[in-house]
């Protein structure tokens, strides 16, 4: 999921479109998937955004049937703590 735009005819905000796309990814990914997620949760408040991004990353890391290789780009530095909490999570800084 890279980028999201408002769906004006349907009255959906950028945030709503992003959440629908994220849900679709989480429901359809497999261990053979490669996910590139960019700034999940950016369309809402900081605390809500961190919570959404954290929950998404945690779900992907913990779910054996959905554990895809994932590149998760974010500016939420709080998510770096996941490396200490979840096996298989690694932080990279570029």
N, C-alpha and C. Protein backbone atom coordinates (compact mmCIF):
# COMPACT_ATOMS: atom_id res chain seq x y z
N UNK A 1 0.85 -1.15 0.00
CA UNK A 1 0.00 0.00 0.00
C UNK A 1 0.89 1.22 0.00
N UNK A 2 0.89 1.91 -1.09
CA UNK A 2 1.66 3.14 -1.17
C UNK A 2 0.72 4.22 -1.67
N UNK A 3 0.49 5.19 -0.83
CA UNK A 3 -0.38 6.29 -1.20
C UNK A 3 -1.85 5.93 -1.09
N UNK A 4 -2.63 6.92 -0.79
CA UNK A 4 -4.09 6.77 -0.74
C UNK A 4 -4.67 8.11 -1.11
N UNK A 5 -5.76 8.09 -1.79
CA UNK A 5 -6.40 9.34 -2.19
C UNK A 5 -7.85 9.31 -1.74
N UNK A 6 -8.40 10.48 -1.60
CA UNK A 6 -9.81 10.56 -1.21
C UNK A 6 -10.68 10.00 -2.32
N UNK A 7 -11.73 9.35 -1.92
CA UNK A 7 -12.72 8.85 -2.86
C UNK A 7 -13.94 9.76 -2.71
N UNK A 8 -13.87 10.92 -3.36
CA UNK A 8 -14.91 11.93 -3.18
C UNK A 8 -16.31 11.46 -3.56
N UNK A 9 -16.47 10.75 -4.68
CA UNK A 9 -17.84 10.33 -5.03
C UNK A 9 -18.47 9.45 -3.95
N UNK A 10 -17.67 8.64 -3.27
CA UNK A 10 -18.21 7.77 -2.23
C UNK A 10 -18.21 8.46 -0.87
N UNK A 11 -17.66 9.67 -0.80
CA UNK A 11 -17.63 10.40 0.46
C UNK A 11 -16.63 9.85 1.45
N UNK A 12 -15.60 9.16 0.96
CA UNK A 12 -14.62 8.54 1.85
C UNK A 12 -13.37 9.42 1.96
N UNK A 13 -12.88 9.57 3.17
CA UNK A 13 -11.68 10.35 3.42
C UNK A 13 -10.43 9.54 3.08
N UNK A 14 -9.31 10.22 3.03
CA UNK A 14 -8.03 9.54 2.82
C UNK A 14 -7.82 8.49 3.90
N UNK A 15 -8.15 8.85 5.14
CA UNK A 15 -7.98 7.91 6.25
C UNK A 15 -8.84 6.66 6.06
N UNK A 16 -10.09 6.84 5.65
CA UNK A 16 -10.98 5.69 5.45
C UNK A 16 -10.45 4.79 4.34
N UNK A 17 -10.00 5.38 3.25
CA UNK A 17 -9.44 4.59 2.15
C UNK A 17 -8.21 3.83 2.63
N UNK A 18 -7.35 4.50 3.40
CA UNK A 18 -6.15 3.84 3.93
C UNK A 18 -6.51 2.66 4.83
N UNK A 19 -7.50 2.82 5.68
CA UNK A 19 -7.90 1.73 6.57
C UNK A 19 -8.51 0.57 5.79
N UNK A 20 -9.28 0.87 4.76
CA UNK A 20 -9.84 -0.19 3.92
C UNK A 20 -8.74 -0.95 3.19
N UNK A 21 -7.77 -0.23 2.67
CA UNK A 21 -6.65 -0.87 1.97
C UNK A 21 -5.80 -1.70 2.93
N UNK A 22 -5.57 -1.19 4.12
CA UNK A 22 -4.79 -1.93 5.12
C UNK A 22 -5.53 -3.20 5.53
N UNK A 23 -6.82 -3.10 5.75
CA UNK A 23 -7.62 -4.28 6.10
C UNK A 23 -7.56 -5.32 4.98
N UNK A 24 -7.63 -4.87 3.74
CA UNK A 24 -7.54 -5.79 2.61
C UNK A 24 -6.19 -6.50 2.59
N UNK A 25 -5.13 -5.76 2.84
CA UNK A 25 -3.79 -6.36 2.88
C UNK A 25 -3.71 -7.39 4.01
N UNK A 26 -4.16 -7.01 5.20
CA UNK A 26 -4.07 -7.93 6.35
C UNK A 26 -4.92 -9.18 6.15
N UNK A 27 -6.03 -9.06 5.48
CA UNK A 27 -6.90 -10.20 5.26
C UNK A 27 -6.44 -11.12 4.14
N UNK A 28 -5.58 -10.63 3.25
CA UNK A 28 -5.23 -11.41 2.07
C UNK A 28 -3.75 -11.77 1.96
N UNK A 29 -2.94 -11.33 2.89
CA UNK A 29 -1.51 -11.65 2.80
C UNK A 29 -1.25 -13.10 3.20
N UNK A 30 -0.17 -13.64 2.67
CA UNK A 30 0.25 -15.01 2.98
C UNK A 30 1.74 -14.97 3.32
N UNK A 31 2.29 -16.07 3.82
CA UNK A 31 3.74 -16.10 4.07
C UNK A 31 4.57 -15.89 2.80
N UNK A 32 3.99 -16.05 1.64
CA UNK A 32 4.71 -15.83 0.39
C UNK A 32 4.61 -14.38 -0.10
N UNK A 33 3.87 -13.55 0.61
CA UNK A 33 3.70 -12.15 0.21
C UNK A 33 4.92 -11.32 0.59
N UNK A 34 5.12 -10.25 -0.16
CA UNK A 34 6.08 -9.22 0.19
C UNK A 34 5.27 -7.94 0.34
N UNK A 35 5.28 -7.38 1.55
CA UNK A 35 4.50 -6.18 1.82
C UNK A 35 5.41 -4.98 1.95
N UNK A 36 5.00 -3.89 1.34
CA UNK A 36 5.68 -2.61 1.50
C UNK A 36 4.62 -1.64 2.00
N UNK A 37 4.73 -1.28 3.26
CA UNK A 37 3.74 -0.41 3.90
C UNK A 37 4.40 0.91 4.25
N UNK A 38 3.80 1.99 3.82
CA UNK A 38 4.39 3.32 3.98
C UNK A 38 3.49 4.21 4.83
N UNK A 39 3.98 4.57 5.99
CA UNK A 39 3.31 5.54 6.86
C UNK A 39 1.86 5.17 7.19
N UNK A 40 1.65 3.94 7.61
CA UNK A 40 0.32 3.51 8.06
C UNK A 40 -0.09 4.37 9.25
N UNK A 41 -1.30 4.88 9.23
CA UNK A 41 -1.83 5.68 10.33
C UNK A 41 -1.54 7.16 10.25
N UNK A 42 -1.01 7.61 9.14
CA UNK A 42 -0.65 9.03 9.04
C UNK A 42 -1.85 9.96 8.89
N UNK A 43 -3.00 9.43 8.53
CA UNK A 43 -4.16 10.26 8.26
C UNK A 43 -4.99 10.59 9.48
N UNK A 44 -4.43 10.40 10.67
CA UNK A 44 -5.18 10.66 11.90
C UNK A 44 -4.25 11.28 12.93
N UNK A 45 -4.69 11.38 14.17
CA UNK A 45 -3.85 11.98 15.21
C UNK A 45 -2.61 11.12 15.46
N UNK A 46 -1.61 11.72 16.06
CA UNK A 46 -0.35 11.01 16.31
C UNK A 46 -0.57 9.75 17.13
N UNK A 47 -1.29 9.85 18.24
CA UNK A 47 -1.48 8.69 19.11
C UNK A 47 -2.30 7.60 18.43
N UNK A 48 -3.32 7.99 17.70
CA UNK A 48 -4.10 7.00 16.96
C UNK A 48 -3.26 6.37 15.86
N UNK A 49 -2.47 7.18 15.18
CA UNK A 49 -1.60 6.68 14.12
C UNK A 49 -0.58 5.68 14.63
N UNK A 50 0.04 6.00 15.77
CA UNK A 50 0.99 5.06 16.37
C UNK A 50 0.29 3.76 16.72
N UNK A 51 -0.88 3.85 17.28
CA UNK A 51 -1.63 2.65 17.67
C UNK A 51 -1.97 1.78 16.46
N UNK A 52 -2.40 2.42 15.39
CA UNK A 52 -2.75 1.68 14.17
C UNK A 52 -1.50 1.03 13.57
N UNK A 53 -0.43 1.78 13.48
CA UNK A 53 0.82 1.24 12.92
C UNK A 53 1.36 0.11 13.79
N UNK A 54 1.34 0.29 15.10
CA UNK A 54 1.83 -0.74 16.03
C UNK A 54 1.00 -2.02 15.88
N UNK A 55 -0.32 -1.87 15.89
CA UNK A 55 -1.20 -3.04 15.79
C UNK A 55 -1.00 -3.76 14.46
N UNK A 56 -0.81 -3.02 13.39
CA UNK A 56 -0.59 -3.63 12.08
C UNK A 56 0.71 -4.42 12.07
N UNK A 57 1.78 -3.80 12.55
CA UNK A 57 3.09 -4.48 12.58
C UNK A 57 3.05 -5.69 13.51
N UNK A 58 2.43 -5.54 14.66
CA UNK A 58 2.34 -6.65 15.61
C UNK A 58 1.53 -7.81 15.03
N UNK A 59 0.43 -7.51 14.38
CA UNK A 59 -0.39 -8.55 13.76
C UNK A 59 0.42 -9.33 12.73
N UNK A 60 1.14 -8.61 11.89
CA UNK A 60 1.93 -9.29 10.86
C UNK A 60 3.06 -10.12 11.45
N UNK A 61 3.66 -9.64 12.52
CA UNK A 61 4.78 -10.37 13.14
C UNK A 61 4.31 -11.61 13.90
N UNK A 62 3.13 -11.54 14.49
CA UNK A 62 2.64 -12.64 15.34
C UNK A 62 1.84 -13.70 14.59
N UNK A 63 1.24 -13.34 13.49
CA UNK A 63 0.35 -14.25 12.78
C UNK A 63 1.15 -15.24 11.93
N UNK A 64 1.14 -16.50 12.31
CA UNK A 64 1.88 -17.51 11.56
C UNK A 64 1.34 -17.69 10.15
N UNK A 65 0.03 -17.61 9.99
CA UNK A 65 -0.54 -17.84 8.65
C UNK A 65 -0.43 -16.61 7.76
N UNK A 66 -0.08 -15.46 8.33
CA UNK A 66 0.02 -14.23 7.54
C UNK A 66 1.40 -13.58 7.65
N UNK A 67 2.35 -14.29 8.15
CA UNK A 67 3.67 -13.72 8.43
C UNK A 67 4.47 -13.50 7.15
N UNK A 68 4.19 -12.43 6.48
CA UNK A 68 4.86 -12.09 5.22
C UNK A 68 6.12 -11.26 5.50
N UNK A 69 7.05 -11.31 4.58
CA UNK A 69 8.19 -10.38 4.66
C UNK A 69 7.62 -8.98 4.44
N UNK A 70 8.01 -8.07 5.33
CA UNK A 70 7.38 -6.76 5.32
C UNK A 70 8.41 -5.65 5.48
N UNK A 71 8.32 -4.66 4.63
CA UNK A 71 9.07 -3.42 4.79
C UNK A 71 8.06 -2.40 5.27
N UNK A 72 8.28 -1.90 6.46
CA UNK A 72 7.31 -1.03 7.12
C UNK A 72 7.98 0.32 7.36
N UNK A 73 7.72 1.28 6.50
CA UNK A 73 8.32 2.61 6.63
C UNK A 73 7.44 3.48 7.51
N UNK A 74 8.06 4.14 8.49
CA UNK A 74 7.29 4.98 9.40
C UNK A 74 8.18 6.06 10.02
N UNK A 75 7.56 7.13 10.46
CA UNK A 75 8.29 8.14 11.22
C UNK A 75 7.97 8.02 12.71
N UNK A 76 7.18 7.04 13.09
CA UNK A 76 6.86 6.81 14.50
C UNK A 76 8.01 6.05 15.16
N UNK A 77 8.90 6.78 15.82
CA UNK A 77 10.07 6.14 16.43
C UNK A 77 9.68 5.14 17.50
N UNK A 78 8.48 5.27 18.07
CA UNK A 78 8.02 4.34 19.10
C UNK A 78 7.98 2.90 18.59
N UNK A 79 7.80 2.74 17.31
CA UNK A 79 7.72 1.39 16.74
C UNK A 79 9.05 0.65 16.77
N UNK A 80 10.15 1.36 16.99
CA UNK A 80 11.44 0.68 17.07
C UNK A 80 11.48 -0.28 18.25
N UNK A 81 10.63 -0.07 19.24
CA UNK A 81 10.57 -0.95 20.41
C UNK A 81 10.10 -2.36 20.04
N UNK A 82 9.39 -2.49 18.94
CA UNK A 82 8.90 -3.81 18.52
C UNK A 82 10.04 -4.80 18.31
N UNK A 83 11.21 -4.30 17.93
CA UNK A 83 12.36 -5.18 17.74
C UNK A 83 12.72 -5.91 19.04
N UNK A 84 12.52 -5.24 20.17
CA UNK A 84 12.82 -5.84 21.47
C UNK A 84 11.70 -6.73 22.00
N UNK A 85 10.54 -6.62 21.40
CA UNK A 85 9.37 -7.34 21.91
C UNK A 85 8.94 -8.54 21.06
N UNK A 86 9.25 -8.49 19.77
CA UNK A 86 8.74 -9.51 18.86
C UNK A 86 9.87 -10.19 18.09
N UNK A 87 9.94 -11.51 18.15
CA UNK A 87 10.95 -12.21 17.36
C UNK A 87 10.73 -11.98 15.87
N UNK A 88 11.81 -11.82 15.15
CA UNK A 88 11.73 -11.65 13.71
C UNK A 88 11.60 -10.21 13.25
N UNK A 89 11.42 -9.28 14.19
CA UNK A 89 11.30 -7.87 13.82
C UNK A 89 12.69 -7.24 13.92
N UNK A 90 13.08 -6.54 12.87
CA UNK A 90 14.39 -5.90 12.81
C UNK A 90 14.22 -4.47 12.33
N UNK A 91 14.89 -3.54 12.99
CA UNK A 91 14.85 -2.13 12.59
C UNK A 91 16.03 -1.80 11.70
N UNK A 92 15.76 -1.00 10.69
CA UNK A 92 16.81 -0.47 9.83
C UNK A 92 16.57 1.02 9.70
N UNK A 93 17.63 1.78 9.68
CA UNK A 93 17.54 3.23 9.59
C UNK A 93 18.31 3.68 8.35
N UNK A 94 17.61 4.35 7.45
CA UNK A 94 18.28 4.84 6.24
C UNK A 94 18.12 6.33 6.12
